[in-house]
Amino acid sequence: MNGLIDKYRPWFALKNVPGLGSVTFKRLITTFGSPQGVFDAPDHELKAIKGMGPRIFKGIHKNRTHCPDDEIRAIERCGFKIAALTDPHYPELLLHIPDPPPILTYLGTLDNIAPCIAIVGSRQATAYGIDTAFKLGCKLAARGFQIVSGMAMGIDTAAHKGAIHARGRTLAVMGCGLKIIYPRENRQLYHEIADNGAVISELPIHSSPDAHHFPMRNRIIAGMSTGTVVVEAAAKSGSLITARLTAEYNREMFAVPGSIHSFKSTGTHALLKQGAKLVENELDVIEELGHLVHQSPPSQPIAAPGGTETHFLEPDSVHAKILNCLGPYPVHIDTIIETSGLDAGAVNASLLCLELKGVIKQTPGKFFFTVEETP
């Protein structure tokens, strides 16, 4: 006998009932306690459940003898794990949304102790947006938050990498099955996230990244999280779906301001007008949600990229201002000059010094980025 199959067979059998959505599934489990309780329930009690139409009723009867063992074996064979609605490791906050996924498959580990904060935004982000997402992911993870995002290019990727850089936990919620790594460019990141948290999906493991999967994915990101930070978003960005759901779930909403001349900031500015808290750095998030984490700020200087301790930089020094403009992705010197507010001569001198110290690197075209510390 296979314990995993025996445990989850009723869950998959009920989930596979045609027409049964997550809202009605939750009602059934709330009423009858378990999928087996649903299958054993008298007909008159089943029919009394809101949303119970003839198609679902017949499907429940049919699936009482349905054995989805092959589906469960495939999950187990791939090394993936399962979290069902009543499992203790199922994400706790997700239980409180109207339509939680009945079953999650995941690679990695789930942790219900540390609070989650979502960081989302544009796929085609600016250097400013990517740098901001990386720093927020890094510093919030260092404070004990789990960073939740969707592993898309741009803001999502930067937030995940920031958390990993801080040796913190990060969770990626996929819009496809776990056997499909999307986007393909993030193959290495997929495994790094699994090693430092979990890659999660509610979809069958071979599901392709179809467009309609992503809004459903966004409800999980918002539902798992105590709050959502939107770093960069155009007026019709998909991350605004996550923001809307965050508000519907009565969670904290944050937004990072951008340039008034950039269309990629119109969405975040709209959120700020609607009452989202403005975020300039991680302290703005910690002010609202810091009571949820029990980890104190690091008492020792955190190593800057390249292994150089930050105490060699005074907060108001030219070097510190330059490093605040940089991250793991290349930033053009003109952007550094504009963002830092320093004159070109001071910027050039500082960049040369930091490059000689091994703190930053330069790529062709006068682009600069910080060097990640190697363990």
Protein backbone atom coordinates (compact mmCIF):
# COMPACT_ATOMS: atom_id res chain seq x y z
CA MET A 1 0.00 0.00 0.00
CA ASN A 2 1.20 3.53 -0.81
CA GLY A 3 0.50 5.93 2.06
CA LEU A 4 0.61 9.02 -0.14
CA ILE A 5 -1.87 7.55 -2.62
CA ASP A 6 -4.18 6.35 0.15
CA LYS A 7 -4.11 9.77 1.81
CA TYR A 8 -4.72 11.88 -1.27
CA ARG A 9 -6.85 9.60 -3.47
CA PRO A 10 -10.16 11.11 -2.18
CA TRP A 11 -8.77 14.63 -2.62
CA PHE A 12 -7.87 14.13 -6.27
CA ALA A 13 -11.07 12.20 -6.95
CA LEU A 14 -13.15 15.11 -5.62
CA LYS A 15 -11.00 17.76 -7.31
CA ASN A 16 -11.51 16.01 -10.65
CA VAL A 17 -15.31 16.25 -10.48
CA PRO A 18 -16.34 18.17 -13.64
CA GLY A 19 -17.64 21.66 -12.92
CA LEU A 20 -16.58 21.68 -9.26
CA GLY A 21 -14.76 24.93 -8.56
CA SER A 22 -12.68 26.02 -5.61
CA VAL A 23 -15.49 27.96 -3.91
CA THR A 24 -17.88 25.00 -3.80
CA PHE A 25 -15.01 22.64 -2.95
CA LYS A 26 -14.26 24.76 0.12
CA ARG A 27 -17.95 24.70 1.12
CA LEU A 28 -18.00 20.92 0.85
CA ILE A 29 -14.89 20.47 2.99
CA THR A 30 -16.16 23.02 5.54
CA THR A 31 -19.46 21.12 5.78
CA PHE A 32 -18.31 17.50 5.64
CA GLY A 33 -14.75 17.75 6.95
CA SER A 34 -12.93 15.82 4.23
CA PRO A 35 -13.36 14.54 0.66
CA GLN A 36 -14.24 11.12 2.03
CA GLY A 37 -16.88 12.81 4.16
CA VAL A 38 -18.28 14.37 0.97
CA PHE A 39 -18.39 11.01 -0.80
CA ASP A 40 -20.11 9.42 2.22
CA ALA A 41 -22.65 12.24 2.68
CA PRO A 42 -26.38 11.55 2.17
CA ASP A 43 -27.79 12.86 -1.11
CA HIS A 44 -30.15 15.34 0.57
CA GLU A 45 -27.23 16.95 2.44
CA LEU A 46 -25.15 17.22 -0.73
CA LYS A 47 -28.03 18.84 -2.61
CA ALA A 48 -28.39 21.43 0.15
CA ILE A 49 -24.88 22.81 -0.49
CA LYS A 50 -24.89 26.18 -2.26
CA GLY A 51 -23.56 25.79 -5.80
CA MET A 52 -24.45 22.10 -5.99
CA GLY A 53 -25.92 21.66 -9.48
CA PRO A 54 -26.93 18.40 -11.15
CA ARG A 55 -23.61 18.09 -12.99
CA ILE A 56 -21.52 18.33 -9.81
CA PHE A 57 -23.90 16.05 -7.91
CA LYS A 58 -23.62 13.36 -10.58
CA GLY A 59 -19.84 13.82 -10.74
CA ILE A 60 -19.49 13.25 -7.01
CA HIS A 61 -21.46 10.01 -7.30
CA LYS A 62 -19.34 8.88 -10.25
CA ASN A 63 -16.01 9.76 -8.65
CA ARG A 64 -16.73 7.84 -5.45
CA THR A 65 -15.05 4.90 -7.17
CA HIS A 66 -12.59 6.99 -9.20
CA CYS A 67 -8.92 6.14 -8.54
CA PRO A 68 -6.57 8.94 -9.69
CA ASP A 69 -3.56 6.89 -8.58
CA ASP A 70 -1.51 7.54 -11.73
CA GLU A 71 -1.74 11.30 -11.19
CA ILE A 72 -0.48 10.99 -7.62
CA ARG A 73 2.28 8.55 -8.62
CA ALA A 74 3.50 11.00 -11.28
CA ILE A 75 3.75 13.76 -8.67
CA GLU A 76 5.65 11.47 -6.32
CA ARG A 77 7.93 10.19 -9.08
CA CYS A 78 8.99 13.74 -9.96
CA GLY A 79 9.94 14.47 -6.37
CA PHE A 80 7.09 16.94 -5.88
CA LYS A 81 5.04 17.16 -2.69
CA ILE A 82 1.34 17.74 -2.01
CA ALA A 83 -0.48 20.13 0.34
CA ALA A 84 -4.25 19.66 0.59
CA LEU A 85 -6.67 22.13 2.12
CA THR A 86 -6.70 20.57 5.60
CA ASP A 87 -2.98 19.73 5.79
CA PRO A 88 -1.05 21.57 8.54
CA HIS A 89 1.57 22.68 6.00
CA TYR A 90 -1.02 24.20 3.62
CA PRO A 91 -0.42 28.01 3.55
CA GLU A 92 -2.50 29.30 6.45
CA LEU A 93 -3.58 32.67 5.05
CA LEU A 94 -4.71 31.02 1.83
CA LEU A 95 -7.46 29.25 3.77
CA HIS A 96 -9.16 32.59 4.36
CA ILE A 97 -9.84 33.51 0.72
CA PRO A 98 -13.17 32.48 -0.86
CA ASP A 99 -11.62 30.10 -3.39
CA PRO A 100 -8.43 28.51 -2.04
CA PRO A 101 -6.89 25.83 -4.27
CA PRO A 102 -8.05 22.40 -3.01
CA ILE A 103 -4.61 20.94 -3.68
CA LEU A 104 -1.18 22.47 -4.16
CA THR A 105 1.82 20.65 -5.55
CA TYR A 106 5.21 22.05 -4.64
CA LEU A 107 8.94 21.51 -4.85
CA GLY A 108 10.85 22.56 -1.75
CA THR A 109 9.44 23.24 1.70
CA LEU A 110 6.42 25.12 3.04
CA ASP A 111 6.67 27.10 6.26
CA ASN A 112 3.66 28.53 8.10
CA ILE A 113 5.74 30.25 10.77
CA ALA A 114 7.35 33.12 8.85
CA PRO A 115 4.93 35.68 7.34
CA CYS A 116 4.78 36.18 3.59
CA ILE A 117 5.01 39.44 1.66
CA ALA A 118 4.35 39.54 -2.09
CA ILE A 119 6.52 41.63 -4.41
CA VAL A 120 5.14 41.92 -7.94
CA GLY A 121 5.36 44.17 -10.98
CA SER A 122 6.18 44.51 -14.64
CA ARG A 123 7.85 41.79 -16.69
CA GLN A 124 9.58 44.42 -18.81
CA ALA A 125 10.83 46.45 -15.90
CA THR A 126 13.25 49.34 -15.90
CA ALA A 127 16.65 49.15 -14.23
CA TYR A 128 15.17 51.27 -11.41
CA GLY A 129 12.33 48.80 -10.90
CA ILE A 130 14.57 45.74 -10.97
CA ASP A 131 17.04 47.27 -8.54
CA THR A 132 14.23 48.32 -6.18
CA ALA A 133 12.62 44.86 -6.25
CA PHE A 134 15.97 43.17 -5.58
CA LYS A 135 16.72 45.41 -2.61
CA LEU A 136 13.24 45.04 -1.13
CA GLY A 137 13.37 41.27 -1.56
CA CYS A 138 16.81 41.14 0.02
CA LYS A 139 16.12 43.39 3.00
CA LEU A 140 12.64 42.06 3.79
CA ALA A 141 13.89 38.47 3.60
CA ALA A 142 16.73 39.41 5.94
CA ARG A 143 14.09 40.66 8.40
CA GLY A 144 12.33 37.29 8.38
CA PHE A 145 9.66 37.67 5.69
CA GLN A 146 9.11 35.02 3.03
CA ILE A 147 9.11 36.74 -0.37
CA VAL A 148 6.27 35.59 -2.63
CA SER A 149 6.17 36.27 -6.37
CA GLY A 150 5.45 34.60 -9.69
CA MET A 151 8.93 33.88 -11.16
CA ALA A 152 8.17 36.00 -14.24
CA MET A 153 10.96 38.02 -15.81
CA GLY A 154 11.54 41.52 -14.48
CA ILE A 155 10.28 42.47 -11.03
CA ASP A 156 9.38 38.91 -9.95
CA THR A 157 12.81 37.54 -10.81
CA ALA A 158 14.58 40.41 -9.05
CA ALA A 159 12.50 39.95 -5.87
CA HIS A 160 13.24 36.22 -5.74
CA LYS A 161 16.96 36.81 -6.31
CA GLY A 162 17.05 39.44 -3.59
CA ALA A 163 15.60 37.00 -1.06
CA ILE A 164 18.06 34.30 -2.09
CA HIS A 165 20.96 36.77 -1.85
CA ALA A 166 19.91 37.47 1.75
CA ARG A 167 19.80 33.71 2.42
CA GLY A 168 16.11 34.11 3.15
CA ARG A 169 13.03 32.18 2.01
CA THR A 170 11.15 32.83 -1.20
CA LEU A 171 8.09 31.22 -2.79
CA ALA A 172 7.25 31.19 -6.50
CA VAL A 173 3.64 30.58 -7.52
CA MET A 174 3.53 29.28 -11.08
CA GLY A 175 0.96 29.81 -13.82
CA CYS A 176 1.77 26.35 -15.18
CA GLY A 177 2.46 22.85 -13.88
CA LEU A 178 5.66 22.15 -11.98
CA LYS A 179 7.13 20.06 -14.81
CA ILE A 180 7.07 23.16 -17.03
CA ILE A 181 9.69 25.76 -16.16
CA TYR A 182 8.38 29.11 -17.39
CA PRO A 183 10.01 31.28 -18.47
CA ARG A 184 12.76 28.93 -19.64
CA GLU A 185 15.41 31.54 -18.87
CA ASN A 186 14.65 31.02 -15.18
CA ARG A 187 15.56 27.34 -15.08
CA GLN A 188 18.40 27.91 -12.62
CA LEU A 189 16.29 30.29 -10.54
CA TYR A 190 13.52 27.65 -10.35
CA HIS A 191 15.90 25.27 -8.58
CA GLU A 192 17.40 28.00 -6.40
CA ILE A 193 13.91 28.95 -5.20
CA ALA A 194 13.12 25.30 -4.43
CA ASP A 195 16.33 25.14 -2.38
CA ASN A 196 15.42 28.32 -0.48
CA GLY A 197 11.65 27.94 -0.16
CA ALA A 198 9.24 26.42 -2.64
CA VAL A 199 7.94 26.49 -6.19
CA ILE A 200 4.15 26.06 -6.02
CA SER A 201 1.28 25.34 -8.42
CA GLU A 202 -2.38 24.35 -8.19
CA LEU A 203 -2.32 22.98 -11.75
CA PRO A 204 -1.64 19.43 -12.95
CA ILE A 205 2.11 19.03 -13.26
CA HIS A 206 2.19 19.03 -17.09
CA SER A 207 -0.09 22.08 -17.54
CA SER A 208 1.19 24.66 -20.02
CA PRO A 209 1.48 28.38 -19.15
CA ASP A 210 -1.82 29.42 -20.77
CA ALA A 211 -2.91 33.05 -20.39
CA HIS A 212 -6.00 32.26 -18.30
CA HIS A 213 -3.87 30.50 -15.67
CA PHE A 214 -2.11 33.68 -14.56
CA PRO A 215 -5.04 35.63 -13.04
CA MET A 216 -5.86 32.48 -11.06
CA ARG A 217 -2.21 32.25 -10.03
CA ASN A 218 -2.35 35.86 -8.82
CA ARG A 219 -5.09 35.06 -6.29
CA ILE A 220 -2.71 32.57 -4.66
CA ILE A 221 0.09 35.13 -4.48
CA ALA A 222 -2.24 37.67 -2.85
CA GLY A 223 -3.95 35.04 -0.71
CA MET A 224 -0.72 33.68 0.80
CA SER A 225 0.60 37.10 1.73
CA THR A 226 0.03 39.53 4.58
CA GLY A 227 0.58 42.32 2.08
CA THR A 228 1.60 43.05 -1.51
CA VAL A 229 4.21 45.49 -2.78
CA VAL A 230 3.76 46.58 -6.40
CA VAL A 231 7.11 47.89 -7.59
CA GLU A 232 6.41 48.89 -11.18
CA ALA A 233 3.18 48.49 -13.17
CA ALA A 234 1.61 50.01 -16.25
CA ALA A 235 -2.09 50.89 -16.34
CA LYS A 236 -3.08 47.39 -17.51
CA SER A 237 -0.39 45.35 -15.78
CA GLY A 238 -1.34 41.88 -14.55
CA SER A 239 0.15 42.81 -11.18
CA LEU A 240 -2.82 45.13 -10.67
CA ILE A 241 -4.99 42.00 -10.52
CA THR A 242 -2.87 40.90 -7.57
CA ALA A 243 -3.29 44.38 -6.07
CA ARG A 244 -7.09 44.29 -6.47
CA LEU A 245 -7.27 40.86 -4.85
CA THR A 246 -5.02 42.05 -2.01
CA ALA A 247 -7.57 44.78 -1.27
CA GLU A 248 -10.47 42.31 -1.53
CA TYR A 249 -8.76 40.02 0.97
CA ASN A 250 -8.25 42.97 3.33
CA ARG A 251 -4.46 42.65 3.26
CA GLU A 252 -1.95 45.51 3.29
CA MET A 253 -1.30 47.24 -0.03
CA PHE A 254 2.01 48.95 -0.85
CA ALA A 255 3.30 50.66 -3.99
CA VAL A 256 6.66 52.06 -5.06
CA PRO A 257 6.49 55.44 -6.82
CA GLY A 258 8.24 55.93 -10.13
CA SER A 259 8.82 58.64 -12.68
CA ILE A 260 5.75 60.69 -13.65
CA HIS A 261 7.06 60.44 -17.21
CA SER A 262 7.14 56.63 -17.29
CA PHE A 263 4.06 54.70 -18.43
CA LYS A 264 5.39 51.80 -16.37
CA SER A 265 4.56 53.74 -13.21
CA THR A 266 0.97 54.71 -14.07
CA GLY A 267 -0.40 51.62 -12.34
CA THR A 268 1.58 52.11 -9.14
CA HIS A 269 0.66 55.80 -9.01
CA ALA A 270 -3.01 54.87 -9.39
CA LEU A 271 -2.64 52.52 -6.41
CA LEU A 272 -1.08 55.32 -4.36
CA LYS A 273 -4.01 57.59 -5.21
CA GLN A 274 -6.35 54.82 -4.06
CA GLY A 275 -4.67 54.61 -0.66
CA ALA A 276 -1.77 52.18 -1.04
CA LYS A 277 1.11 52.94 1.31
CA LEU A 278 4.06 54.57 -0.42
CA VAL A 279 7.24 52.48 -0.19
CA GLU A 280 10.67 54.07 -0.45
CA ASN A 281 12.49 51.24 1.32
CA GLU A 282 11.86 48.14 3.41
CA LEU A 283 11.21 50.18 6.56
CA ASP A 284 7.90 51.39 5.12
CA VAL A 285 6.74 47.77 4.95
CA ILE A 286 8.20 46.87 8.34
CA GLU A 287 6.39 49.83 9.92
CA GLU A 288 3.07 48.17 9.01
CA LEU A 289 3.94 44.47 9.25
CA GLY A 290 7.09 44.24 11.35
CA HIS A 291 5.12 42.99 14.37
CA LEU A 292 4.56 39.72 12.48
CA VAL A 293 8.23 38.76 12.45
CA HIS A 294 10.27 37.85 15.50
CA GLN A 295 13.68 38.38 13.95
CA SER A 296 15.54 41.49 15.04
CA PRO A 297 17.49 43.58 12.53
CA PRO A 298 21.01 42.23 12.03
CA SER A 299 23.35 43.59 14.69
CA GLN A 300 26.47 42.99 12.58
CA PRO A 301 27.14 44.81 9.32
CA ILE A 302 25.68 42.95 6.37
CA ALA A 303 28.27 42.10 3.75
CA ALA A 304 27.84 44.21 0.67
CA PRO A 305 28.15 42.57 -2.76
CA GLY A 306 31.71 41.47 -3.29
CA GLY A 307 32.18 40.61 0.38
CA THR A 308 32.95 44.20 1.45
CA GLU A 309 31.34 45.12 4.76
CA THR A 310 29.04 48.14 4.64
CA HIS A 311 30.79 49.76 7.63
CA PHE A 312 33.56 50.95 5.27
CA LEU A 313 30.91 53.23 3.76
CA GLU A 314 29.52 56.19 5.64
CA PRO A 315 25.77 56.49 4.87
CA ASP A 316 26.17 59.89 3.19
CA SER A 317 29.40 59.11 1.34
CA VAL A 318 29.67 59.22 -2.43
CA HIS A 319 30.37 55.47 -2.54
CA ALA A 320 27.21 54.72 -0.53
CA LYS A 321 25.10 56.89 -2.80
CA ILE A 322 26.50 55.13 -5.86
CA LEU A 323 25.86 51.66 -4.42
CA ASN A 324 22.29 52.65 -3.59
CA CYS A 325 21.79 53.16 -7.32
CA LEU A 326 23.15 49.75 -8.25
CA GLY A 327 22.06 46.15 -8.00
CA PRO A 328 22.71 42.81 -9.71
CA TYR A 329 21.51 44.11 -13.08
CA PRO A 330 23.51 46.57 -15.24
CA VAL A 331 22.65 50.27 -14.80
CA HIS A 332 23.89 52.93 -17.24
CA ILE A 333 26.17 55.66 -15.92
CA ASP A 334 23.70 58.38 -16.97
CA THR A 335 21.04 56.74 -14.78
CA ILE A 336 23.52 56.57 -11.89
CA ILE A 337 24.31 60.28 -12.23
CA GLU A 338 20.63 61.22 -12.40
CA THR A 339 19.54 58.95 -9.53
CA SER A 340 22.41 59.81 -7.17
CA GLY A 341 22.23 63.56 -7.75
CA LEU A 342 26.02 63.68 -7.93
CA ASP A 343 28.09 65.38 -10.61
CA ALA A 344 29.64 63.28 -13.37
CA GLY A 345 33.19 63.68 -12.08
CA ALA A 346 32.35 62.38 -8.61
CA VAL A 347 30.39 59.47 -10.06
CA ASN A 348 33.22 58.45 -12.41
CA ALA A 349 35.79 58.61 -9.62
CA SER A 350 33.63 56.57 -7.25
CA LEU A 351 32.82 53.96 -9.89
CA LEU A 352 36.52 53.48 -10.62
CA CYS A 353 37.30 53.08 -6.91
CA LEU A 354 34.46 50.60 -6.34
CA GLU A 355 35.49 48.63 -9.42
CA LEU A 356 39.08 48.40 -8.19
CA LYS A 357 37.82 47.15 -4.81
CA GLY A 358 35.87 44.41 -6.62
CA VAL A 359 32.53 45.70 -5.33
CA ILE A 360 31.13 46.42 -8.80
CA LYS A 361 31.81 45.44 -12.40
CA GLN A 362 31.47 47.29 -15.67
CA THR A 363 30.06 45.96 -18.93
CA PRO A 364 30.49 47.48 -22.40
CA GLY A 365 28.59 50.72 -22.91
CA LYS A 366 29.29 52.14 -19.42
CA PHE A 367 26.86 49.87 -17.57
CA PHE A 368 27.64 48.91 -13.98
CA PHE A 369 26.35 46.28 -11.55
CA THR A 370 27.20 44.98 -8.09
CA VAL A 371 29.13 41.75 -7.66
CA GLU A 372 27.21 39.12 -5.70
CA GLU A 373 29.01 37.65 -2.71
CA THR A 374 29.94 34.01 -3.16
CA PRO A 375 29.49 31.81 -0.07
